[in-house]
Amino acid sequence: MFKLFIRLFPSIKVSSTCEQIELRYEIKFLEIGIDADHVHFLIQSVPTYSITKIVRTIKSLVAREVFKECPEVKKKLWGGDFGGKDILSIR
């Protein structure tokens, strides 16, 4: 179980993206906290997934949806970097 912080922009449908991730991967979103420009996740997954794999999966899929819905976001982000580096891991 760990927390993950990702920068977001308003009007992005985070919950539906998280539901899709839950169906496709063995990742469970226990809590999703959405603020004006970022989101916090409390996540649980199987021990065979490394934290790196989980973070990479979530960031890439959420980023893909954000860039699809708001292509101008990619231009605003230097190098297309999406997401913060704040992760708290509890095993």
Protein backbone atom coordinates (compact mmCIF):
# COMPACT_ATOMS: atom_id res chain seq x y z
CA MET A 1 0.00 0.00 0.00
CA PHE A 2 1.40 3.42 -0.86
CA LYS A 3 0.48 6.99 -1.63
CA LEU A 4 1.22 8.60 -4.97
CA PHE A 5 0.96 12.28 -5.93
CA ILE A 6 0.37 13.33 -9.54
CA ARG A 7 0.01 16.87 -10.87
CA LEU A 8 -3.20 17.34 -12.81
CA PHE A 9 -5.17 20.00 -14.52
CA PRO A 10 -8.88 20.69 -14.01
CA SER A 11 -11.61 18.79 -15.89
CA ILE A 12 -9.73 15.50 -16.15
CA LYS A 13 -11.78 12.37 -15.44
CA VAL A 14 -9.43 10.65 -13.03
CA SER A 15 -11.92 8.25 -11.47
CA SER A 16 -12.86 6.56 -14.74
CA THR A 17 -9.19 6.15 -15.66
CA CYS A 18 -8.53 4.57 -12.25
CA GLU A 19 -11.44 2.19 -12.74
CA GLN A 20 -9.94 1.09 -16.06
CA ILE A 21 -6.56 0.55 -14.40
CA GLU A 22 -8.20 -1.58 -11.67
CA LEU A 23 -9.85 -3.79 -14.29
CA ARG A 24 -6.68 -4.28 -16.31
CA TYR A 25 -4.06 -4.57 -13.55
CA GLU A 26 -3.99 -5.95 -10.03
CA ILE A 27 -4.05 -2.45 -8.58
CA LYS A 28 -6.74 -1.27 -6.18
CA PHE A 29 -7.36 2.42 -5.52
CA LEU A 30 -8.40 2.59 -1.87
CA GLU A 31 -8.74 6.37 -1.86
CA ILE A 32 -8.53 9.09 -4.50
CA GLY A 33 -8.18 12.69 -3.32
CA ILE A 34 -8.59 15.25 -6.09
CA ASP A 35 -7.47 18.85 -5.53
CA ALA A 36 -7.50 21.75 -8.00
CA ASP A 37 -4.25 20.84 -9.76
CA HIS A 38 -3.18 17.44 -8.42
CA VAL A 39 -4.45 14.15 -7.10
CA HIS A 40 -3.45 11.83 -4.25
CA PHE A 41 -3.89 8.06 -4.49
CA LEU A 42 -3.87 5.46 -1.74
CA ILE A 43 -3.11 2.24 -3.60
CA GLN A 44 -2.93 -1.46 -2.81
CA SER A 45 -1.48 -4.08 -5.12
CA VAL A 46 -0.05 -7.57 -5.28
CA PRO A 47 3.49 -8.12 -3.96
CA THR A 48 4.72 -9.25 -7.37
CA TYR A 49 4.38 -5.68 -8.70
CA SER A 50 7.26 -3.41 -7.77
CA ILE A 51 6.44 0.11 -6.64
CA THR A 52 8.27 1.37 -9.71
CA LYS A 53 6.03 -0.68 -12.01
CA ILE A 54 2.86 0.51 -10.26
CA VAL A 55 3.89 4.18 -10.38
CA ARG A 56 5.00 3.93 -14.01
CA THR A 57 1.73 2.23 -14.99
CA ILE A 58 -0.51 4.76 -13.25
CA LYS A 59 1.45 7.80 -14.41
CA SER A 60 1.59 6.67 -18.04
CA LEU A 61 -2.11 5.77 -18.28
CA VAL A 62 -3.32 8.90 -16.49
CA ALA A 63 -0.96 11.05 -18.59
CA ARG A 64 -2.22 9.45 -21.80
CA GLU A 65 -5.82 10.31 -20.88
CA VAL A 66 -4.89 13.87 -19.87
CA PHE A 67 -2.92 14.48 -23.07
CA LYS A 68 -5.75 13.00 -25.15
CA GLU A 69 -8.36 15.24 -23.53
CA CYS A 70 -6.15 18.36 -23.24
CA PRO A 71 -3.27 18.29 -25.75
CA GLU A 72 -2.16 21.76 -24.66
CA VAL A 73 -1.11 20.33 -21.29
CA LYS A 74 1.86 18.53 -22.85
CA LYS A 75 3.18 21.84 -24.19
CA LYS A 76 2.90 23.44 -20.74
CA LEU A 77 4.93 20.67 -19.10
CA TRP A 78 8.66 20.93 -19.66
CA GLY A 79 9.70 17.79 -21.51
CA GLY A 80 6.22 16.32 -21.12
CA ASP A 81 7.09 15.26 -17.55
CA PHE A 82 3.88 14.35 -15.81
CA GLY A 83 3.61 13.84 -12.10
CA GLY A 84 5.43 14.56 -8.91
CA LYS A 85 8.09 12.54 -7.20
CA ASP A 86 6.27 12.23 -3.86
CA ILE A 87 5.71 8.58 -2.98
CA LEU A 88 5.18 7.03 0.43
CA SER A 89 5.46 3.27 0.49
CA ILE A 90 4.02 1.08 3.23
CA ARG A 91 4.55 -2.63 2.79
